[in-house]
Amino acid sequence: MYIYPENLKAKARLWLWELRDVAILGSAVLLSVIALARGGTLFPLVCAAVYAFLTIRTEDASILDFLRYATRFLFLQPQRFDWRERMIE
């Protein structure tokens, strides 16, 4: 008997994050701990925690994805609206 996941094209996930995000978080936390031990600053650790919160995935979407889409829609891609008078025949 073989057991397959429901979606074979889905990205690999570990708990609430994709594996890419887990790798980024692991390296960020490691560098943050080194920075805390060497310089005594908590800023990199806070940045890693914020990134961890923003990349939590539920229903194949994250807060970071929403912020990217909103930034692209509101600021980066110009919106074009054409107002035309409707011709009545």
N, C-alpha and C. Protein backbone atom coordinates (compact mmCIF):
# COMPACT_ATOMS: atom_id res chain seq x y z
N MET A 1 0.85 -1.18 0.00
CA MET A 1 0.00 0.00 0.00
C MET A 1 0.89 1.24 0.00
N TYR A 2 0.59 2.19 -0.88
CA TYR A 2 1.34 3.44 -0.98
C TYR A 2 0.47 4.59 -0.50
N ILE A 3 1.09 5.47 0.24
CA ILE A 3 0.37 6.65 0.73
C ILE A 3 1.01 7.88 0.10
N TYR A 4 0.23 8.61 -0.67
CA TYR A 4 0.72 9.82 -1.33
C TYR A 4 0.10 11.05 -0.69
N PRO A 5 0.81 12.16 -0.71
CA PRO A 5 0.18 13.40 -0.24
C PRO A 5 -0.93 13.82 -1.20
N GLU A 6 -1.80 14.66 -0.73
CA GLU A 6 -2.94 15.08 -1.54
C GLU A 6 -2.50 15.83 -2.79
N ASN A 7 -1.50 16.67 -2.67
CA ASN A 7 -1.06 17.49 -3.79
C ASN A 7 0.43 17.23 -4.01
N LEU A 8 0.77 16.54 -5.08
CA LEU A 8 2.16 16.19 -5.32
C LEU A 8 3.01 17.38 -5.75
N LYS A 9 2.38 18.46 -6.18
CA LYS A 9 3.13 19.64 -6.61
C LYS A 9 3.23 20.70 -5.52
N ALA A 10 2.77 20.40 -4.34
CA ALA A 10 2.82 21.35 -3.23
C ALA A 10 4.26 21.53 -2.76
N LYS A 11 4.56 22.69 -2.25
CA LYS A 11 5.90 22.96 -1.73
C LYS A 11 6.08 22.24 -0.39
N ALA A 12 7.32 21.85 -0.12
CA ALA A 12 7.62 21.15 1.13
C ALA A 12 7.44 22.09 2.31
N ARG A 13 6.78 21.61 3.35
CA ARG A 13 6.51 22.43 4.52
C ARG A 13 6.96 21.70 5.78
N LEU A 14 7.36 22.48 6.74
CA LEU A 14 7.72 21.95 8.05
C LEU A 14 6.98 22.80 9.08
N TRP A 15 6.07 22.19 9.79
CA TRP A 15 5.18 22.88 10.73
C TRP A 15 4.40 23.97 10.00
N LEU A 16 4.64 25.23 10.32
CA LEU A 16 3.86 26.32 9.71
C LEU A 16 4.63 27.07 8.63
N TRP A 17 5.85 26.63 8.30
CA TRP A 17 6.68 27.35 7.35
C TRP A 17 7.09 26.45 6.20
N GLU A 18 7.42 27.07 5.06
CA GLU A 18 8.03 26.32 3.97
C GLU A 18 9.48 26.03 4.35
N LEU A 19 10.08 25.04 3.72
CA LEU A 19 11.45 24.67 4.08
C LEU A 19 12.44 25.79 3.79
N ARG A 20 12.18 26.59 2.76
CA ARG A 20 13.05 27.74 2.46
C ARG A 20 13.03 28.71 3.64
N ASP A 21 11.84 28.98 4.18
CA ASP A 21 11.72 29.90 5.32
C ASP A 21 12.37 29.31 6.57
N VAL A 22 12.28 28.01 6.76
CA VAL A 22 12.94 27.36 7.92
C VAL A 22 14.45 27.52 7.82
N ALA A 23 15.00 27.36 6.60
CA ALA A 23 16.44 27.53 6.42
C ALA A 23 16.86 28.97 6.69
N ILE A 24 16.08 29.92 6.19
CA ILE A 24 16.39 31.34 6.44
C ILE A 24 16.29 31.66 7.93
N LEU A 25 15.25 31.15 8.58
CA LEU A 25 15.08 31.40 10.02
C LEU A 25 16.20 30.77 10.83
N GLY A 26 16.60 29.57 10.46
CA GLY A 26 17.69 28.90 11.19
C GLY A 26 18.99 29.68 11.11
N SER A 27 19.33 30.13 9.92
CA SER A 27 20.56 30.91 9.78
C SER A 27 20.44 32.27 10.44
N ALA A 28 19.26 32.89 10.37
CA ALA A 28 19.06 34.19 11.02
C ALA A 28 19.16 34.08 12.53
N VAL A 29 18.58 33.04 13.09
CA VAL A 29 18.67 32.85 14.55
C VAL A 29 20.10 32.56 14.97
N LEU A 30 20.81 31.76 14.19
CA LEU A 30 22.21 31.47 14.50
C LEU A 30 23.05 32.75 14.48
N LEU A 31 22.89 33.55 13.44
CA LEU A 31 23.63 34.82 13.37
C LEU A 31 23.20 35.79 14.48
N SER A 32 21.92 35.74 14.84
CA SER A 32 21.42 36.61 15.91
C SER A 32 22.02 36.24 17.26
N VAL A 33 22.13 34.94 17.51
CA VAL A 33 22.73 34.49 18.77
C VAL A 33 24.20 34.89 18.82
N ILE A 34 24.90 34.77 17.69
CA ILE A 34 26.31 35.20 17.64
C ILE A 34 26.42 36.70 17.88
N ALA A 35 25.51 37.48 17.26
CA ALA A 35 25.53 38.93 17.46
C ALA A 35 25.21 39.29 18.91
N LEU A 36 24.31 38.54 19.52
CA LEU A 36 23.97 38.79 20.92
C LEU A 36 25.15 38.47 21.83
N ALA A 37 25.86 37.39 21.55
CA ALA A 37 27.00 37.01 22.38
C ALA A 37 28.17 37.96 22.20
N ARG A 38 28.39 38.42 20.96
CA ARG A 38 29.54 39.29 20.69
C ARG A 38 29.28 40.75 21.03
N GLY A 39 28.12 41.25 20.60
CA GLY A 39 27.88 42.68 20.75
C GLY A 39 26.82 43.04 21.77
N GLY A 40 26.03 42.07 22.18
CA GLY A 40 25.00 42.35 23.17
C GLY A 40 23.77 43.03 22.60
N THR A 41 23.54 42.93 21.30
CA THR A 41 22.40 43.59 20.70
C THR A 41 21.30 42.57 20.38
N LEU A 42 20.07 42.94 20.65
CA LEU A 42 18.92 42.08 20.41
C LEU A 42 18.25 42.34 19.06
N PHE A 43 18.67 43.37 18.35
CA PHE A 43 18.01 43.77 17.11
C PHE A 43 17.94 42.64 16.07
N PRO A 44 19.02 41.90 15.79
CA PRO A 44 18.90 40.81 14.81
C PRO A 44 17.94 39.71 15.25
N LEU A 45 17.88 39.44 16.54
CA LEU A 45 16.96 38.42 17.04
C LEU A 45 15.51 38.88 16.90
N VAL A 46 15.25 40.15 17.11
CA VAL A 46 13.91 40.69 16.92
C VAL A 46 13.52 40.63 15.44
N CYS A 47 14.45 40.95 14.56
CA CYS A 47 14.18 40.87 13.11
C CYS A 47 13.86 39.44 12.71
N ALA A 48 14.58 38.48 13.25
CA ALA A 48 14.31 37.07 12.94
C ALA A 48 12.94 36.65 13.46
N ALA A 49 12.54 37.13 14.63
CA ALA A 49 11.23 36.80 15.18
C ALA A 49 10.11 37.42 14.34
N VAL A 50 10.32 38.64 13.89
CA VAL A 50 9.32 39.30 13.03
C VAL A 50 9.19 38.55 11.71
N TYR A 51 10.32 38.15 11.13
CA TYR A 51 10.29 37.38 9.88
C TYR A 51 9.57 36.05 10.10
N ALA A 52 9.81 35.41 11.23
CA ALA A 52 9.14 34.14 11.53
C ALA A 52 7.63 34.33 11.61
N PHE A 53 7.20 35.42 12.23
CA PHE A 53 5.77 35.69 12.34
C PHE A 53 5.15 35.99 10.97
N LEU A 54 5.86 36.78 10.16
CA LEU A 54 5.31 37.17 8.86
C LEU A 54 5.26 36.03 7.86
N THR A 55 6.06 34.99 8.04
CA THR A 55 6.09 33.91 7.07
C THR A 55 5.30 32.68 7.50
N ILE A 56 4.52 32.76 8.56
CA ILE A 56 3.66 31.64 8.94
C ILE A 56 2.64 31.43 7.83
N ARG A 57 2.54 30.21 7.36
CA ARG A 57 1.63 29.89 6.24
C ARG A 57 0.38 29.19 6.74
N THR A 58 -0.76 29.73 6.32
CA THR A 58 -2.04 29.07 6.53
C THR A 58 -2.81 29.16 5.23
N GLU A 59 -3.36 28.06 4.80
CA GLU A 59 -4.14 28.03 3.56
C GLU A 59 -3.32 28.53 2.37
N ASP A 60 -2.05 28.21 2.33
CA ASP A 60 -1.15 28.56 1.23
C ASP A 60 -0.96 30.07 1.05
N ALA A 61 -1.07 30.82 2.12
CA ALA A 61 -0.83 32.27 2.08
C ALA A 61 -0.20 32.69 3.40
N SER A 62 0.59 33.76 3.34
CA SER A 62 1.20 34.28 4.57
C SER A 62 0.98 35.78 4.63
N ILE A 63 1.26 36.35 5.77
CA ILE A 63 1.13 37.79 5.94
C ILE A 63 2.13 38.50 5.04
N LEU A 64 3.32 37.95 4.88
CA LEU A 64 4.34 38.55 4.03
C LEU A 64 3.89 38.57 2.57
N ASP A 65 3.24 37.51 2.11
CA ASP A 65 2.70 37.51 0.75
C ASP A 65 1.66 38.61 0.57
N PHE A 66 0.76 38.75 1.55
CA PHE A 66 -0.26 39.79 1.47
C PHE A 66 0.38 41.17 1.42
N LEU A 67 1.41 41.41 2.26
CA LEU A 67 2.09 42.71 2.24
C LEU A 67 2.79 42.97 0.91
N ARG A 68 3.37 41.93 0.31
CA ARG A 68 3.99 42.08 -1.01
C ARG A 68 2.96 42.45 -2.07
N TYR A 69 1.82 41.73 -2.07
CA TYR A 69 0.78 42.02 -3.05
C TYR A 69 0.21 43.43 -2.86
N ALA A 70 -0.01 43.82 -1.62
CA ALA A 70 -0.56 45.15 -1.35
C ALA A 70 0.42 46.24 -1.76
N THR A 71 1.71 46.05 -1.48
CA THR A 71 2.72 47.04 -1.88
C THR A 71 2.81 47.15 -3.38
N ARG A 72 2.78 46.02 -4.05
CA ARG A 72 2.84 46.04 -5.51
C ARG A 72 1.61 46.74 -6.09
N PHE A 73 0.44 46.45 -5.54
CA PHE A 73 -0.79 47.06 -6.06
C PHE A 73 -0.85 48.55 -5.77
N LEU A 74 -0.49 48.95 -4.56
CA LEU A 74 -0.66 50.35 -4.16
C LEU A 74 0.47 51.27 -4.62
N PHE A 75 1.70 50.76 -4.69
CA PHE A 75 2.83 51.65 -4.92
C PHE A 75 3.65 51.35 -6.17
N LEU A 76 3.85 50.10 -6.51
CA LEU A 76 4.81 49.76 -7.55
C LEU A 76 4.20 49.66 -8.95
N GLN A 77 3.00 49.16 -9.07
CA GLN A 77 2.37 49.05 -10.38
C GLN A 77 1.38 50.19 -10.55
N PRO A 78 1.58 50.99 -11.57
CA PRO A 78 0.64 52.09 -11.78
C PRO A 78 -0.74 51.57 -12.16
N GLN A 79 -1.74 52.16 -11.58
CA GLN A 79 -3.11 51.79 -11.88
C GLN A 79 -3.64 52.71 -12.97
N ARG A 80 -4.35 52.15 -13.91
CA ARG A 80 -4.87 52.96 -15.00
C ARG A 80 -6.38 52.79 -15.03
N PHE A 81 -7.06 53.93 -15.00
CA PHE A 81 -8.50 53.93 -15.06
C PHE A 81 -8.92 54.78 -16.25
N ASP A 82 -9.76 54.24 -17.08
CA ASP A 82 -10.28 54.97 -18.24
C ASP A 82 -11.74 55.31 -17.98
N TRP A 83 -12.01 56.61 -17.94
CA TRP A 83 -13.37 57.06 -17.76
C TRP A 83 -13.87 57.53 -19.11
N ARG A 84 -14.87 56.88 -19.58
CA ARG A 84 -15.44 57.24 -20.88
C ARG A 84 -16.93 57.46 -20.73
N GLU A 85 -17.38 58.37 -21.55
CA GLU A 85 -18.81 58.62 -21.57
C GLU A 85 -19.47 57.51 -22.37
N ARG A 86 -20.52 57.01 -21.85
CA ARG A 86 -21.19 55.90 -22.51
C ARG A 86 -22.08 56.42 -23.63
N MET A 87 -21.93 55.83 -24.79
CA MET A 87 -22.73 56.23 -25.95
C MET A 87 -24.05 55.49 -25.93
N ILE A 88 -25.13 56.23 -25.95
CA ILE A 88 -26.47 55.62 -25.97
C ILE A 88 -26.99 55.66 -27.39
N GLU A 89 -27.33 54.52 -27.91
CA GLU A 89 -27.84 54.47 -29.29
C GLU A 89 -29.30 54.25 -29.33
